[in-house]
Amino acid sequence: MSVSVARRRTGASVAAALAVVLSVASCGGGGGDAPKASATEAARTEAALRTCQKVFGAKNVDSLRAEFGEGLRAYDRSLTDMKERLVTEAYDWTAVDDDLRRATYRPCQIQERAEGSDGWVTSTVAWSMWSIEFLGSTKDVRAWHKVVDGVYVSPRRPTTGTSLAMTCTIPGSAAGQGSGLPLEVSVNEEDRKAGEGASTEQLLKSLAENMREFIGCREKPALPDDLAP
């Protein structure tokens, strides 16, 4: 066998071996990355669900977990940051200089990301655009209805969902802040399985109770289970 032929055969063998090594490495790397990404997403969901338990209550979150199943994903925002900002807004409010600008916070969203389904539940917390006096005087009962003194509920609306506004006085704020700047919480949801999981009213009640406790509202009237008009 000539030297040149031997060299060509040796070169071909090395190239083939290298191709096999690269192929194995490529497959091994791809297989290793996917579980890591999945584990990271699962860890983020579990962390977010711990926040959601403070927003909706542990029992309701367990109910949503069972309803949405393996496709459940959760997203959260800092409750500490939300509280600090809401309290600051309350301190800055005055009846004379109220410019009606409000910041909206979404501390928890739980979503079902399964094939053929995209159900979700979102919580919203903000100071209301409407005073308690206005809510009590409105003639449109479809817009807001009184639940108990200082607490009003609005049925489902396209953008915000079902909302509850309540007197919430932050100690140290200006006189009239509690009723002039009520706390408004909302539950918005889509594509949930009818009759399964925590109801909108259950979620809204827990959200209202937990948020008024969390930010330190002075008023804490008992809320009924039946919040529907």
Protein backbone atom coordinates (compact mmCIF):
# COMPACT_ATOMS: atom_id res chain seq x y z
CA MET A 1 0.00 0.00 0.00
CA SER A 2 1.37 3.42 -0.93
CA VAL A 3 2.09 6.03 1.74
CA SER A 4 -0.38 8.48 0.19
CA VAL A 5 -3.24 5.93 0.28
CA ALA A 6 -2.49 5.05 3.88
CA ARG A 7 -2.54 8.71 4.84
CA ARG A 8 -5.93 9.23 3.15
CA ARG A 9 -7.43 6.22 4.96
CA THR A 10 -6.02 7.38 8.30
CA GLY A 11 -7.39 10.90 7.73
CA ALA A 12 -10.83 9.53 6.86
CA SER A 13 -10.90 7.37 10.01
CA VAL A 14 -9.98 10.33 12.21
CA ALA A 15 -12.64 12.52 10.59
CA ALA A 16 -15.30 9.83 11.07
CA ALA A 17 -14.35 9.37 14.70
CA LEU A 18 -14.42 13.11 15.31
CA ALA A 19 -17.89 13.35 13.71
CA VAL A 20 -19.17 10.65 16.07
CA VAL A 21 -17.69 12.44 19.10
CA LEU A 22 -19.24 15.77 18.07
CA SER A 23 -22.60 14.09 17.46
CA VAL A 24 -22.60 12.48 20.89
CA ALA A 25 -21.54 15.72 22.56
CA SER A 26 -24.28 17.63 20.75
CA CYS A 27 -26.96 15.17 21.76
CA GLY A 28 -25.69 15.02 25.31
CA GLY A 29 -25.66 18.82 25.63
CA GLY A 30 -29.17 19.24 24.22
CA GLY A 31 -30.59 16.57 26.49
CA GLY A 32 -29.00 18.13 29.52
CA ASP A 33 -30.28 21.68 28.92
CA ALA A 34 -33.99 20.91 28.67
CA PRO A 35 -34.42 19.44 32.19
CA LYS A 36 -32.49 22.39 33.65
CA ALA A 37 -34.80 24.90 31.95
CA SER A 38 -37.86 22.95 33.11
CA ALA A 39 -36.57 22.75 36.66
CA THR A 40 -35.90 26.49 36.69
CA GLU A 41 -39.41 27.27 35.52
CA ALA A 42 -40.87 24.93 38.12
CA ALA A 43 -38.80 26.59 40.85
CA ARG A 44 -40.03 30.02 39.77
CA THR A 45 -43.61 28.81 39.84
CA GLU A 46 -43.24 27.38 43.34
CA ALA A 47 -41.69 30.65 44.58
CA ALA A 48 -44.49 32.65 42.98
CA LEU A 49 -47.13 30.37 44.50
CA ARG A 50 -45.79 31.20 47.96
CA THR A 51 -46.50 34.85 47.21
CA CYS A 52 -49.90 33.92 45.78
CA GLN A 53 -50.76 32.18 49.05
CA LYS A 54 -50.34 35.53 50.81
CA VAL A 55 -52.59 37.14 48.19
CA PHE A 56 -55.37 34.57 47.70
CA GLY A 57 -54.87 32.34 50.74
CA ALA A 58 -53.27 28.88 50.86
CA LYS A 59 -56.57 27.01 50.54
CA ASN A 60 -57.59 28.87 47.38
CA VAL A 61 -54.15 28.44 45.83
CA ASP A 62 -54.30 24.69 46.51
CA SER A 63 -57.69 24.66 44.80
CA LEU A 64 -56.31 26.45 41.73
CA ARG A 65 -53.33 24.10 41.66
CA ALA A 66 -55.68 21.11 41.53
CA GLU A 67 -57.84 22.80 38.88
CA PHE A 68 -55.00 23.75 36.53
CA GLY A 69 -52.97 20.58 37.07
CA GLU A 70 -49.51 20.00 35.60
CA GLY A 71 -49.83 22.94 33.20
CA LEU A 72 -49.96 25.45 36.07
CA ARG A 73 -47.55 28.39 35.98
CA ALA A 74 -47.46 31.26 38.48
CA TYR A 75 -46.02 34.76 38.30
CA ASP A 76 -45.64 37.26 41.12
CA ARG A 77 -44.42 40.74 42.04
CA SER A 78 -42.80 41.95 45.24
CA LEU A 79 -45.39 42.43 47.98
CA THR A 80 -42.96 44.54 49.98
CA ASP A 81 -42.47 46.97 47.11
CA MET A 82 -46.24 47.10 46.52
CA LYS A 83 -46.92 47.87 50.17
CA GLU A 84 -44.30 50.62 50.33
CA ARG A 85 -45.66 52.30 47.22
CA LEU A 86 -49.31 52.08 48.29
CA VAL A 87 -48.57 53.50 51.73
CA THR A 88 -46.55 56.33 50.19
CA GLU A 89 -49.43 57.13 47.82
CA ALA A 90 -51.80 57.24 50.79
CA TYR A 91 -49.50 59.64 52.68
CA ASP A 92 -49.23 61.89 49.61
CA TRP A 93 -53.00 62.07 49.04
CA THR A 94 -55.04 65.16 49.88
CA ALA A 95 -58.64 65.88 48.95
CA VAL A 96 -57.73 69.24 47.41
CA ASP A 97 -54.78 68.14 45.29
CA ASP A 98 -55.96 64.69 44.20
CA ASP A 99 -55.00 64.38 40.52
CA LEU A 100 -56.68 60.96 40.18
CA ARG A 101 -53.49 59.28 38.99
CA ARG A 102 -53.27 55.76 40.37
CA ALA A 103 -50.65 53.03 40.14
CA THR A 104 -51.89 49.47 39.60
CA TYR A 105 -50.19 46.40 41.06
CA ARG A 106 -50.60 42.75 40.05
CA PRO A 107 -49.03 40.72 42.86
CA CYS A 108 -50.11 37.28 41.59
CA GLN A 109 -51.13 35.59 38.35
CA ILE A 110 -51.80 31.87 38.05
CA GLN A 111 -52.04 30.44 34.55
CA GLU A 112 -52.77 27.10 32.93
CA ARG A 113 -50.39 26.48 30.07
CA ALA A 114 -51.64 23.19 28.70
CA GLU A 115 -52.32 22.14 25.13
CA GLY A 116 -55.65 23.53 23.98
CA SER A 117 -56.15 25.56 27.18
CA ASP A 118 -54.98 28.92 28.46
CA GLY A 119 -56.96 29.62 31.62
CA TRP A 120 -55.70 32.21 34.08
CA VAL A 121 -56.48 34.17 37.24
CA THR A 122 -54.96 37.58 37.99
CA SER A 123 -55.10 39.75 41.12
CA THR A 124 -55.05 43.55 40.93
CA VAL A 125 -54.51 46.00 43.80
CA ALA A 126 -54.73 49.82 43.59
CA TRP A 127 -56.16 52.90 45.22
CA SER A 128 -59.59 53.47 43.69
CA MET A 129 -60.53 56.29 41.34
CA TRP A 130 -63.87 56.53 43.15
CA SER A 131 -64.56 57.79 46.66
CA ILE A 132 -66.83 55.88 49.02
CA GLU A 133 -69.25 58.81 48.83
CA PHE A 134 -69.51 58.42 45.05
CA LEU A 135 -69.91 54.65 45.24
CA GLY A 136 -72.74 55.09 47.74
CA SER A 137 -74.55 57.69 45.64
CA THR A 138 -74.32 56.12 42.19
CA LYS A 139 -77.71 55.25 40.68
CA ASP A 140 -76.31 52.53 38.44
CA VAL A 141 -76.63 49.46 40.67
CA ARG A 142 -75.01 47.34 37.96
CA ALA A 143 -71.80 49.29 38.43
CA TRP A 144 -71.36 49.09 42.23
CA HIS A 145 -73.47 47.65 45.00
CA LYS A 146 -73.06 47.94 48.75
CA VAL A 147 -71.95 44.82 50.63
CA VAL A 148 -71.50 46.29 54.12
CA ASP A 149 -70.74 49.82 55.31
CA GLY A 150 -67.72 51.12 53.45
CA VAL A 151 -67.48 48.16 51.08
CA TYR A 152 -68.78 48.04 47.48
CA VAL A 153 -68.51 45.42 44.76
CA SER A 154 -68.67 45.82 41.00
CA PRO A 155 -69.55 42.83 38.82
CA ARG A 156 -67.25 41.60 36.09
CA ARG A 157 -65.90 44.22 33.71
CA PRO A 158 -63.90 43.50 30.52
CA THR A 159 -60.58 44.96 31.66
CA THR A 160 -60.49 44.65 35.46
CA GLY A 161 -62.76 41.71 36.20
CA THR A 162 -64.75 41.68 39.46
CA SER A 163 -63.76 44.50 41.82
CA LEU A 164 -64.21 45.38 45.47
CA ALA A 165 -63.59 48.88 46.85
CA MET A 166 -63.38 49.47 50.58
CA THR A 167 -62.58 52.20 53.05
CA CYS A 168 -58.91 51.86 54.01
CA THR A 169 -57.36 54.42 56.32
CA ILE A 170 -53.58 54.27 56.57
CA PRO A 171 -52.56 55.59 60.02
CA GLY A 172 -50.78 58.93 59.68
CA SER A 173 -52.45 59.90 56.39
CA ALA A 174 -54.49 63.07 55.78
CA ALA A 175 -58.01 63.38 57.17
CA GLY A 176 -60.56 61.70 54.91
CA GLN A 177 -58.01 59.51 53.12
CA GLY A 178 -59.74 56.26 54.07
CA SER A 179 -63.01 57.11 52.31
CA GLY A 180 -61.66 59.59 49.78
CA LEU A 181 -59.04 57.12 48.58
CA PRO A 182 -60.52 53.63 49.04
CA LEU A 183 -58.51 50.50 48.37
CA GLU A 184 -59.72 48.62 45.29
CA VAL A 185 -58.89 44.98 44.59
CA SER A 186 -59.94 42.95 41.57
CA VAL A 187 -59.96 39.36 40.33
CA ASN A 188 -59.84 38.88 36.57
CA GLU A 189 -60.01 35.43 35.01
CA GLU A 190 -60.53 33.68 31.70
CA ASP A 191 -61.14 30.17 30.37
CA ARG A 192 -61.55 28.44 33.69
CA LYS A 193 -63.39 25.14 33.97
CA ALA A 194 -66.93 25.83 35.15
CA GLY A 195 -67.67 24.56 38.64
CA GLU A 196 -64.04 23.69 39.41
CA GLY A 197 -61.67 25.35 41.84
CA ALA A 198 -62.18 28.39 44.05
CA SER A 199 -64.96 30.71 42.91
CA THR A 200 -64.46 34.34 41.89
CA GLU A 201 -66.17 35.45 45.10
CA GLN A 202 -63.90 33.28 47.26
CA LEU A 203 -60.82 34.66 45.56
CA LEU A 204 -62.06 38.26 45.80
CA LYS A 205 -62.94 37.98 49.48
CA SER A 206 -59.56 36.49 50.38
CA LEU A 207 -57.75 39.06 48.26
CA ALA A 208 -59.58 41.93 50.01
CA GLU A 209 -59.00 40.54 53.50
CA ASN A 210 -55.34 39.75 52.91
CA MET A 211 -54.48 43.05 51.23
CA ARG A 212 -56.15 45.27 53.83
CA GLU A 213 -54.27 43.35 56.53
CA PHE A 214 -51.02 43.48 54.61
CA ILE A 215 -50.94 47.24 53.98
CA GLY A 216 -52.42 48.11 57.39
CA CYS A 217 -55.95 49.37 56.74
CA ARG A 218 -57.52 50.58 59.97
CA GLU A 219 -61.00 49.38 58.93
CA LYS A 220 -61.62 45.62 58.78
CA PRO A 221 -65.38 44.95 58.58
CA ALA A 222 -66.52 41.34 58.25
CA LEU A 223 -67.05 40.41 54.61
CA PRO A 224 -69.84 37.97 53.69
CA ASP A 225 -69.16 34.92 51.56
CA ASP A 226 -71.81 36.09 49.10
CA LEU A 227 -70.39 39.16 47.38
CA ALA A 228 -72.56 38.90 44.25
CA PRO A 229 -75.16 41.60 43.50
